[in-house]
Protein backbone atom coordinates (compact mmCIF):
# COMPACT_ATOMS: atom_id res chain seq x y z
CA UNK A 1 -193.11 -87.71 -103.77
CA UNK A 2 -189.93 -89.14 -103.86
CA UNK A 3 -187.86 -89.35 -107.26
CA UNK A 4 -188.37 -92.90 -109.21
CA UNK A 5 -184.38 -93.28 -109.86
CA UNK A 6 -180.85 -91.85 -108.69
CA UNK A 7 -178.41 -92.65 -111.56
CA UNK A 8 -175.09 -92.45 -109.37
CA UNK A 9 -171.65 -92.25 -111.67
CA UNK A 10 -167.84 -92.22 -110.04
CA UNK A 11 -165.27 -90.47 -111.60
CA UNK A 12 -161.80 -89.72 -111.52
CA UNK A 13 -159.87 -87.97 -114.43
CA UNK A 14 -162.55 -88.51 -116.90
CA UNK A 15 -162.58 -84.86 -118.44
CA UNK A 16 -163.02 -85.88 -122.27
CA UNK A 17 -166.17 -88.05 -120.69
CA UNK A 18 -168.58 -85.99 -118.52
CA UNK A 19 -170.51 -84.44 -121.38
CA UNK A 20 -171.04 -87.41 -123.95
CA UNK A 21 -171.96 -89.47 -120.89
CA UNK A 22 -174.19 -87.27 -119.34
CA UNK A 23 -175.60 -86.77 -122.84
CA UNK A 24 -176.41 -90.26 -123.18
CA UNK A 25 -177.84 -90.62 -119.65
CA UNK A 26 -180.21 -87.27 -120.53
CA UNK A 27 -181.45 -89.22 -123.97
CA UNK A 28 -181.74 -92.65 -122.44
CA UNK A 29 -183.86 -91.78 -119.23
CA UNK A 30 -186.23 -88.69 -121.05
CA UNK A 31 -189.33 -88.62 -119.45
CA UNK A 32 -188.45 -90.60 -116.35
CA UNK A 33 -188.40 -89.22 -113.11
CA UNK A 34 -184.38 -88.87 -112.30
CA UNK A 35 -181.23 -87.77 -111.42
CA UNK A 36 -177.85 -88.14 -111.81
CA UNK A 37 -175.46 -88.08 -109.19
CA UNK A 38 -171.98 -87.18 -110.17
CA UNK A 39 -169.33 -88.23 -107.32
CA UNK A 40 -165.85 -86.42 -108.11
CA UNK A 41 -163.03 -88.80 -106.41
CA UNK A 42 -160.26 -86.00 -106.33
CA UNK A 43 -159.68 -85.86 -110.03
CA UNK A 44 -156.43 -83.71 -110.61
CA UNK A 45 -157.77 -82.68 -114.33
CA UNK A 46 -160.66 -81.45 -115.85
CA UNK A 47 -163.39 -82.89 -114.95
CA UNK A 48 -164.88 -81.01 -111.84
CA UNK A 49 -164.86 -77.89 -114.83
CA UNK A 50 -166.40 -79.92 -116.87
CA UNK A 51 -168.89 -81.40 -113.85
CA UNK A 52 -169.65 -77.53 -113.11
CA UNK A 53 -169.97 -76.40 -116.92
CA UNK A 54 -173.37 -78.37 -117.10
CA UNK A 55 -176.14 -76.59 -116.51
CA UNK A 56 -179.31 -78.80 -115.76
CA UNK A 57 -182.07 -79.32 -113.06
CA UNK A 58 -181.31 -82.77 -112.82
CA UNK A 59 -177.48 -83.37 -111.83
CA UNK A 60 -175.90 -83.15 -108.97
CA UNK A 61 -172.29 -83.32 -108.20
CA UNK A 62 -170.49 -84.77 -105.38
CA UNK A 63 -166.84 -83.11 -104.76
CA UNK A 64 -164.30 -85.08 -102.40
CA UNK A 65 -161.43 -83.15 -101.29
CA UNK A 66 -158.78 -85.54 -101.77
CA UNK A 67 -158.85 -89.19 -104.12
CA UNK A 68 -160.74 -92.12 -101.51
CA UNK A 69 -161.29 -94.65 -104.54
CA UNK A 70 -164.07 -96.08 -106.26
CA UNK A 71 -165.87 -97.76 -102.69
CA UNK A 72 -165.85 -94.82 -100.94
CA UNK A 73 -167.06 -92.59 -103.58
CA UNK A 74 -170.11 -95.33 -104.27
CA UNK A 75 -171.08 -95.10 -101.16
CA UNK A 76 -171.39 -91.09 -100.91
CA UNK A 77 -173.19 -91.41 -104.40
CA UNK A 78 -175.33 -93.69 -103.01
CA UNK A 79 -175.91 -91.53 -99.67
CA UNK A 80 -176.96 -88.58 -101.51
CA UNK A 81 -178.73 -90.52 -103.73
CA UNK A 82 -182.70 -89.99 -103.54
CA UNK A 83 -184.81 -92.04 -105.72
CA UNK A 84 -186.56 -95.45 -104.73
CA UNK A 85 -184.22 -97.00 -107.16
CA UNK A 86 -180.22 -96.15 -107.57
CA UNK A 87 -178.69 -97.01 -111.08
CA UNK A 88 -174.15 -97.37 -110.63
CA UNK A 89 -172.06 -97.02 -113.46
CA UNK A 90 -168.79 -96.24 -114.34
CA UNK A 91 -167.93 -92.81 -115.73
CA UNK A 92 -165.55 -94.26 -118.75
CA UNK A 93 -168.82 -94.67 -121.50
CA UNK A 94 -167.37 -98.01 -121.57
CA UNK A 95 -171.40 -98.77 -119.43
CA UNK A 96 -174.42 -97.62 -121.94
CA UNK A 97 -177.23 -95.71 -120.01
CA UNK A 98 -179.57 -97.26 -122.64
CA UNK A 99 -180.21 -100.19 -120.33
CA UNK A 100 -181.29 -98.66 -117.81
CA UNK A 101 -184.71 -98.85 -118.55
CA UNK A 102 -185.44 -102.27 -119.28
CA UNK A 103 -183.22 -102.96 -115.79
CA UNK A 104 -185.64 -100.73 -113.88
CA UNK A 105 -188.51 -102.63 -115.33
CA UNK A 106 -187.27 -106.00 -114.61
CA UNK A 107 -186.40 -104.48 -111.14
CA UNK A 108 -190.00 -103.70 -110.38
CA UNK A 109 -192.10 -106.06 -112.39
CA UNK A 110 -189.38 -108.85 -111.02
CA UNK A 111 -189.75 -108.08 -107.58
CA UNK A 112 -185.92 -107.67 -107.52
CA UNK A 113 -183.73 -106.00 -105.45
CA UNK A 114 -180.81 -105.85 -107.75
CA UNK A 115 -181.08 -106.40 -111.59
CA UNK A 116 -177.14 -106.72 -112.39
CA UNK A 117 -175.60 -106.24 -115.92
CA UNK A 118 -173.39 -108.47 -117.53
CA UNK A 119 -171.30 -107.22 -120.48
CA UNK A 120 -171.86 -110.44 -122.79
CA UNK A 121 -169.67 -108.79 -125.43
CA UNK A 122 -166.44 -107.29 -123.52
CA UNK A 123 -164.39 -104.65 -125.58
CA UNK A 124 -161.55 -104.93 -123.34
CA UNK A 125 -157.84 -105.49 -123.50
CA UNK A 126 -157.67 -109.68 -123.37
CA UNK A 127 -154.08 -109.57 -120.73
CA UNK A 128 -154.94 -107.03 -119.03
CA UNK A 129 -158.78 -106.85 -118.46
CA UNK A 130 -160.61 -110.05 -118.98
CA UNK A 131 -158.37 -112.52 -117.76
CA UNK A 132 -157.71 -110.78 -114.32
CA UNK A 133 -161.92 -110.70 -114.72
CA UNK A 134 -162.20 -114.13 -115.86
CA UNK A 135 -160.03 -115.23 -112.48
CA UNK A 136 -161.73 -112.73 -110.54
CA UNK A 137 -164.98 -113.91 -111.65
CA UNK A 138 -164.68 -117.76 -110.90
CA UNK A 139 -162.93 -117.13 -107.37
CA UNK A 140 -166.07 -115.00 -105.97
CA UNK A 141 -168.46 -116.82 -107.60
CA UNK A 142 -167.38 -120.28 -105.80
CA UNK A 143 -166.13 -118.94 -102.32
CA UNK A 144 -169.33 -116.87 -101.72
CA UNK A 145 -171.79 -118.65 -103.07
CA UNK A 146 -173.30 -116.11 -104.90
CA UNK A 147 -173.26 -117.13 -108.80
CA UNK A 148 -173.59 -114.53 -111.15
CA UNK A 149 -171.10 -114.56 -114.41
CA UNK A 150 -169.98 -111.15 -113.77
CA UNK A 151 -169.61 -109.18 -110.60
CA UNK A 152 -167.12 -106.42 -112.32
CA UNK A 153 -169.61 -104.61 -114.72
CA UNK A 154 -170.75 -101.45 -112.91
CA UNK A 155 -173.96 -101.45 -114.11
CA UNK A 156 -176.37 -102.10 -111.71
CA UNK A 157 -179.98 -101.37 -110.96
CA UNK A 158 -180.66 -101.53 -106.80
CA UNK A 159 -183.38 -100.51 -104.50
CA UNK A 160 -182.26 -97.87 -102.35
CA UNK A 161 -182.92 -99.29 -98.76
CA UNK A 162 -180.35 -102.26 -100.05
CA UNK A 163 -178.03 -99.81 -101.54
CA UNK A 164 -177.91 -97.89 -99.00
CA UNK A 165 -177.68 -100.98 -96.23
CA UNK A 166 -174.08 -101.51 -98.03
CA UNK A 167 -170.98 -100.88 -96.32
CA UNK A 168 -169.35 -100.47 -99.35
CA UNK A 169 -165.57 -99.57 -97.47
CA UNK A 170 -162.03 -100.09 -98.54
CA UNK A 171 -162.55 -101.74 -102.04
CA UNK A 172 -165.69 -103.45 -101.52
CA UNK A 173 -167.34 -102.49 -104.76
CA UNK A 174 -165.86 -104.93 -106.82
CA UNK A 175 -168.09 -107.09 -104.15
CA UNK A 176 -171.34 -105.16 -104.52
CA UNK A 177 -173.87 -108.21 -105.39
CA UNK A 178 -172.23 -110.34 -101.88
CA UNK A 179 -173.16 -107.58 -100.06
CA UNK A 180 -176.56 -107.26 -101.27
CA UNK A 181 -177.40 -110.34 -100.99
CA UNK A 182 -175.88 -110.24 -97.49
CA UNK A 183 -178.51 -108.09 -96.75
CA UNK A 184 -181.68 -110.72 -98.02
CA UNK A 185 -181.18 -108.94 -101.56
CA UNK A 186 -182.92 -110.91 -104.93
CA UNK A 187 -180.87 -110.81 -107.40
CA UNK A 188 -180.12 -111.70 -111.22
CA UNK A 189 -178.25 -110.27 -114.30
CA UNK A 190 -178.92 -109.64 -117.69
CA UNK A 191 -176.87 -109.11 -120.90
CA UNK A 192 -176.02 -105.57 -121.39
CA UNK A 193 -173.89 -103.22 -123.79
CA UNK A 194 -170.72 -102.58 -123.30
CA UNK A 195 -168.37 -100.00 -125.37
CA UNK A 196 -164.42 -99.75 -125.71
CA UNK A 197 -162.56 -97.05 -123.49
CA UNK A 198 -162.14 -93.93 -125.52
CA UNK A 199 -160.68 -91.30 -123.67
CA UNK A 200 -158.83 -91.64 -120.54
CA UNK A 201 -157.01 -94.51 -119.15
CA UNK A 202 -157.88 -97.72 -117.24
CA UNK A 203 -157.33 -97.49 -113.46
CA UNK A 204 -157.18 -100.98 -113.81
CA UNK A 205 -154.92 -104.06 -113.83
CA UNK A 206 -153.04 -107.18 -113.06
CA UNK A 207 -152.80 -106.60 -109.26
CA UNK A 208 -156.41 -106.28 -109.49
CA UNK A 209 -156.70 -110.06 -108.85
CA UNK A 210 -154.93 -110.10 -105.83
CA UNK A 211 -156.50 -107.16 -104.50
CA UNK A 212 -159.80 -109.55 -105.35
CA UNK A 213 -158.45 -112.22 -103.12
CA UNK A 214 -157.59 -110.31 -100.04
CA UNK A 215 -160.90 -108.61 -100.46
CA UNK A 216 -162.78 -112.27 -100.66
CA UNK A 217 -161.36 -113.20 -97.43
CA UNK A 218 -163.40 -110.33 -95.52
CA UNK A 219 -165.93 -110.87 -96.96
CA UNK A 220 -166.18 -114.60 -96.15
CA UNK A 221 -165.90 -113.43 -92.74
CA UNK A 222 -169.08 -111.41 -93.33
CA UNK A 223 -170.39 -113.92 -94.56
CA UNK A 224 -170.12 -116.77 -92.03
CA UNK A 225 -168.81 -115.61 -88.84
CA UNK A 226 -169.96 -111.90 -88.70
CA UNK A 227 -172.14 -112.41 -86.09
CA UNK A 228 -170.93 -115.77 -84.47
CA UNK A 229 -167.11 -114.55 -84.45
CA UNK A 230 -166.36 -116.82 -81.67
CA UNK A 231 -166.77 -120.12 -84.00
CA UNK A 232 -164.09 -119.05 -86.02
CA UNK A 233 -162.09 -118.14 -83.47
CA UNK A 234 -162.85 -120.38 -80.81
CA UNK A 235 -163.29 -123.24 -82.65
CA UNK A 236 -159.57 -123.17 -84.81
CA UNK A 237 -158.31 -122.10 -80.61
CA UNK A 238 -159.76 -124.95 -79.32
CA UNK A 239 -158.21 -126.69 -81.66
CA UNK A 240 -154.92 -125.96 -81.43
CA UNK A 241 -154.25 -126.14 -77.56
CA UNK A 242 -155.93 -129.70 -77.49
CA UNK A 243 -152.98 -130.41 -80.30
CA UNK A 244 -150.56 -128.57 -78.12
CA UNK A 245 -151.87 -129.94 -74.92
CA UNK A 246 -151.67 -133.92 -76.84
CA UNK A 247 -148.14 -133.06 -77.09
CA UNK A 248 -147.57 -131.52 -73.85
CA UNK A 249 -148.82 -134.71 -72.55
CA UNK A 250 -146.85 -136.84 -74.26
CA UNK A 251 -143.76 -134.91 -73.75
CA UNK A 252 -144.14 -135.05 -69.72
CA UNK A 253 -145.07 -138.53 -70.52
CA UNK A 254 -141.78 -139.39 -71.91
CA UNK A 255 -139.80 -137.17 -68.95
CA UNK A 256 -140.89 -139.53 -66.12
CA UNK A 257 -139.71 -142.48 -67.89
CA UNK A 258 -136.39 -140.92 -68.20
CA UNK A 259 -136.26 -139.27 -71.00
CA UNK A 260 -134.06 -135.80 -72.29
CA UNK A 261 -137.00 -133.54 -73.64
CA UNK A 262 -135.28 -130.24 -73.27
CA UNK A 263 -134.50 -128.82 -76.43
CA UNK A 264 -136.65 -130.78 -78.43
CA UNK A 265 -138.21 -129.32 -81.68
CA UNK A 266 -141.60 -131.11 -80.32
CA UNK A 267 -141.59 -129.43 -76.94
CA UNK A 268 -141.60 -125.48 -79.01
CA UNK A 269 -144.49 -127.38 -81.36
CA UNK A 270 -146.07 -127.74 -78.20
CA UNK A 271 -145.80 -124.97 -76.48
CA UNK A 272 -146.60 -123.15 -79.31
CA UNK A 273 -149.27 -124.38 -80.68
CA UNK A 274 -150.58 -123.59 -76.45
CA UNK A 275 -150.01 -120.31 -76.77
CA UNK A 276 -151.11 -119.76 -80.26
CA UNK A 277 -155.15 -121.78 -79.00
CA UNK A 278 -155.51 -119.31 -76.12
CA UNK A 279 -154.48 -115.92 -77.89
CA UNK A 280 -157.20 -116.97 -80.50
CA UNK A 281 -160.26 -118.03 -78.22
CA UNK A 282 -158.96 -114.25 -76.57
CA UNK A 283 -159.22 -113.04 -79.79
CA UNK A 284 -162.52 -114.72 -80.44
CA UNK A 285 -163.79 -113.37 -76.87
CA UNK A 286 -163.02 -109.66 -77.86
CA UNK A 287 -164.70 -110.03 -81.91
CA UNK A 288 -168.15 -111.64 -79.99
CA UNK A 289 -167.68 -108.89 -77.22
CA UNK A 290 -167.27 -105.81 -80.21
CA UNK A 291 -169.82 -107.56 -82.04
CA UNK A 292 -172.33 -107.09 -79.61
CA UNK A 293 -171.53 -103.58 -79.40
CA UNK A 294 -171.59 -103.06 -82.32
CA UNK A 295 -175.22 -104.05 -82.64
CA UNK A 296 -176.45 -103.31 -79.60
CA UNK A 297 -174.76 -99.58 -79.28
CA UNK A 298 -176.25 -98.47 -82.64
CA UNK A 299 -179.49 -100.37 -81.95
CA UNK A 300 -179.45 -102.07 -85.29
CA UNK A 301 -180.53 -106.03 -85.64
CA UNK A 302 -178.68 -108.97 -86.69
CA UNK A 303 -181.21 -109.49 -89.26
CA UNK A 304 -183.23 -107.96 -92.11
CA UNK A 305 -187.18 -107.91 -92.53
CA UNK A 306 -188.23 -107.58 -96.19
CA UNK A 307 -192.06 -106.49 -95.01
CA UNK A 308 -194.36 -107.18 -92.46
CA UNK A 309 -197.81 -108.27 -93.40
CA UNK A 310 -201.35 -108.92 -91.56
CA UNK A 311 -202.19 -108.31 -87.96
CA UNK A 312 -205.59 -107.12 -86.38
CA UNK A 313 -206.93 -104.02 -85.45
CA UNK A 314 -206.64 -102.99 -81.40
């Protein structure tokens, strides 16, 4: 019989937070069927020593050889999780494990595939944490169409089949609700507790906002054009080629009328638009072929089936 819950905690240089957080998790989940999966993302302090000093049957430690980043740490933790539901959280004591039982209950009874946390009363600095977070949340909310108030809260409860299908590459851990939505997940969000950091230093800052914008462009491509890349590159390419062709046709008419067109900026623009249009159409064809290869070589399907009911006995 599978476990009910796996709690995935990613840590990087959090030696002073390891034991206090683990104690809070075990206290909050007392009486439940669960495991705790810690992923050490190449820590350089005594984080691993603290983890291995804990002797507990419900603890599982995944040790990276070097620092790969939070997204791949989450991916590894989810891959090694055995629970029916997977709760994710940071290892800095700012998330409160006591919120997990209520989130799990809501997911089960409400039929949700993801219950995300909303830090209703954040205990972070205004300039370096809250303002970048507000900006990032606004951008993601309006660009992705997934309307949550807080995308940055690491405390989430997700059904395992959804979590294991999400490709959390690069630094896409910020977009987990969007990734889950693309897998057809039913998502809700509830307020959760948030604590000020007691030990260690934050790994986030203002540069996070710029990373969010660049990653968001990738997410928008996944959402709108992953299964039809030719519609993005092909349409743009045909449009540019058409504008360039009209410019060149106009210049040909001028030449036939005896005007000198050589060296004119308009001629250079027309040629550049034609070349750019051809290149974009070519790129679209190549990516279309790669997309089909991706699905067919791995026997994947470009759709997700929640469940199949009914039928008849034969």
